[in-house]
Amino acid sequence: MGKATRRTGEEDERAALMEALAATRAALNAARSSFEQVCEPELVEACVYEMGSLEARYDYLLRRLRELGAAAPLRFRPAR
């Protein structure tokens, strides 16, 4: 296939990655909110693990976007 097909595929991938990045950012904000509201040690631990997992996913998505040459947002910093 020609360059146009490849470019369209890359554009589709960039769009999908940007959507995943936005969804991951929203999930991180939700996890941060939950963390701030829970008191039980088990729930605190669960929130910490969830935030770590989401941060790793966010970092992966950013790295992948940069590999595709997209202008990716800076590293996520949760709302406080």
C-alpha atoms as a PDB file:
ATOM      1  CA  MET A   1       0.000   0.000   0.000  1.00  0.00           C
ATOM      2  CA  GLY A   2       1.043   3.589  -0.519  1.00  0.00           C
ATOM      3  CA  LYS A   3       2.057   6.279   1.912  1.00  0.00           C
ATOM      4  CA  ALA A   4      -1.478   7.677   2.095  1.00  0.00           C
ATOM      5  CA  THR A   5      -2.786   4.397   3.520  1.00  0.00           C
ATOM      6  CA  ARG A   6      -0.003   4.230   6.078  1.00  0.00           C
ATOM      7  CA  ARG A   7      -0.473   7.855   7.054  1.00  0.00           C
ATOM      8  CA  THR A   8      -4.201   7.353   7.537  1.00  0.00           C
ATOM      9  CA  GLY A   9      -3.476   4.329   9.720  1.00  0.00           C
ATOM     10  CA  GLU A  10      -1.059   6.367  11.809  1.00  0.00           C
ATOM     11  CA  GLU A  11      -3.594   9.165  12.104  1.00  0.00           C
ATOM     12  CA  ASP A  12      -6.209   6.662  13.261  1.00  0.00           C
ATOM     13  CA  GLU A  13      -3.761   5.266  15.801  1.00  0.00           C
ATOM     14  CA  ARG A  14      -2.926   8.763  17.063  1.00  0.00           C
ATOM     15  CA  ALA A  15      -6.627   9.549  17.481  1.00  0.00           C
ATOM     16  CA  ALA A  16      -7.206   6.279  19.354  1.00  0.00           C
ATOM     17  CA  LEU A  17      -4.209   6.958  21.596  1.00  0.00           C
ATOM     18  CA  MET A  18      -5.436  10.481  22.354  1.00  0.00           C
ATOM     19  CA  GLU A  19      -8.857   9.097  23.312  1.00  0.00           C
ATOM     20  CA  ALA A  20      -7.220   6.463  25.530  1.00  0.00           C
ATOM     21  CA  LEU A  21      -5.050   9.162  27.094  1.00  0.00           C
ATOM     22  CA  ALA A  22      -8.109  11.278  27.950  1.00  0.00           C
ATOM     23  CA  ALA A  23      -9.922   8.267  29.396  1.00  0.00           C
ATOM     24  CA  THR A  24      -6.876   7.313  31.455  1.00  0.00           C
ATOM     25  CA  ARG A  25      -6.545  10.882  32.742  1.00  0.00           C
ATOM     26  CA  ALA A  26     -10.206  10.805  33.842  1.00  0.00           C
ATOM     27  CA  ALA A  27      -9.692   7.438  35.536  1.00  0.00           C
ATOM     28  CA  LEU A  28      -6.626   8.800  37.343  1.00  0.00           C
ATOM     29  CA  ASN A  29      -8.625  11.765  38.606  1.00  0.00           C
ATOM     30  CA  ALA A  30     -11.343   9.403  39.833  1.00  0.00           C
ATOM     31  CA  ALA A  31      -8.796   7.151  41.550  1.00  0.00           C
ATOM     32  CA  ARG A  32      -7.198  10.189  43.197  1.00  0.00           C
ATOM     33  CA  SER A  33     -10.596  11.330  44.441  1.00  0.00           C
ATOM     34  CA  SER A  34     -11.328   7.859  45.843  1.00  0.00           C
ATOM     35  CA  PHE A  35      -7.922   7.782  47.534  1.00  0.00           C
ATOM     36  CA  GLU A  36      -8.670  11.056  49.286  1.00  0.00           C
ATOM     37  CA  GLN A  37     -12.019   9.766  50.574  1.00  0.00           C
ATOM     38  CA  VAL A  38     -11.202   6.273  51.869  1.00  0.00           C
ATOM     39  CA  CYS A  39     -10.009   5.466  55.369  1.00  0.00           C
ATOM     40  CA  GLU A  40      -9.680   1.691  55.487  1.00  0.00           C
ATOM     41  CA  PRO A  41      -6.072   0.542  54.962  1.00  0.00           C
ATOM     42  CA  GLU A  42      -7.124  -2.057  52.370  1.00  0.00           C
ATOM     43  CA  LEU A  43      -8.967   0.557  50.336  1.00  0.00           C
ATOM     44  CA  VAL A  44      -6.073   2.988  50.565  1.00  0.00           C
ATOM     45  CA  GLU A  45      -3.754   0.262  49.297  1.00  0.00           C
ATOM     46  CA  ALA A  46      -6.151  -0.601  46.470  1.00  0.00           C
ATOM     47  CA  CYS A  47      -6.282   3.054  45.398  1.00  0.00           C
ATOM     48  CA  VAL A  48      -2.485   3.312  45.474  1.00  0.00           C
ATOM     49  CA  TYR A  49      -2.151   0.253  43.237  1.00  0.00           C
ATOM     50  CA  GLU A  50      -4.856   1.525  40.897  1.00  0.00           C
ATOM     51  CA  MET A  51      -3.185   4.924  40.573  1.00  0.00           C
ATOM     52  CA  GLY A  52       0.182   3.269  39.911  1.00  0.00           C
ATOM     53  CA  SER A  53      -1.325   1.097  37.214  1.00  0.00           C
ATOM     54  CA  LEU A  54      -3.082   4.025  35.563  1.00  0.00           C
ATOM     55  CA  GLU A  55       0.070   6.154  35.698  1.00  0.00           C
ATOM     56  CA  ALA A  56       2.025   3.364  33.974  1.00  0.00           C
ATOM     57  CA  ARG A  57      -0.654   3.169  31.274  1.00  0.00           C
ATOM     58  CA  TYR A  58      -0.623   6.953  30.854  1.00  0.00           C
ATOM     59  CA  ASP A  59       3.174   6.954  30.497  1.00  0.00           C
ATOM     60  CA  TYR A  60       2.951   4.198  27.870  1.00  0.00           C
ATOM     61  CA  LEU A  61       0.343   6.127  25.882  1.00  0.00           C
ATOM     62  CA  LEU A  62       2.456   9.297  26.006  1.00  0.00           C
ATOM     63  CA  ARG A  63       5.530   7.423  24.865  1.00  0.00           C
ATOM     64  CA  ARG A  64       3.624   5.787  21.999  1.00  0.00           C
ATOM     65  CA  LEU A  65       2.222   9.148  20.876  1.00  0.00           C
ATOM     66  CA  ARG A  66       5.683  10.679  20.874  1.00  0.00           C
ATOM     67  CA  GLU A  67       6.991   7.727  18.846  1.00  0.00           C
ATOM     68  CA  LEU A  68       4.348   8.532  16.235  1.00  0.00           C
ATOM     69  CA  GLY A  69       5.475  12.141  16.195  1.00  0.00           C
ATOM     70  CA  ALA A  70       2.312  13.504  17.782  1.00  0.00           C
ATOM     71  CA  ALA A  71       2.394  16.555  19.999  1.00  0.00           C
ATOM     72  CA  ALA A  72       1.581  14.778  23.244  1.00  0.00           C
ATOM     73  CA  PRO A  73       0.660  16.581  26.460  1.00  0.00           C
ATOM     74  CA  LEU A  74       3.193  16.782  29.256  1.00  0.00           C
ATOM     75  CA  ARG A  75       3.406  14.152  31.987  1.00  0.00           C
ATOM     76  CA  PHE A  76       0.138  13.865  33.900  1.00  0.00           C
ATOM     77  CA  ARG A  77      -0.115  15.477  37.302  1.00  0.00           C
ATOM     78  CA  PRO A  78      -3.343  14.617  39.110  1.00  0.00           C
ATOM     79  CA  ALA A  79      -5.643  17.421  40.208  1.00  0.00           C
ATOM     80  CA  ARG A  80      -5.327  18.268  43.881  1.00  0.00           C
END
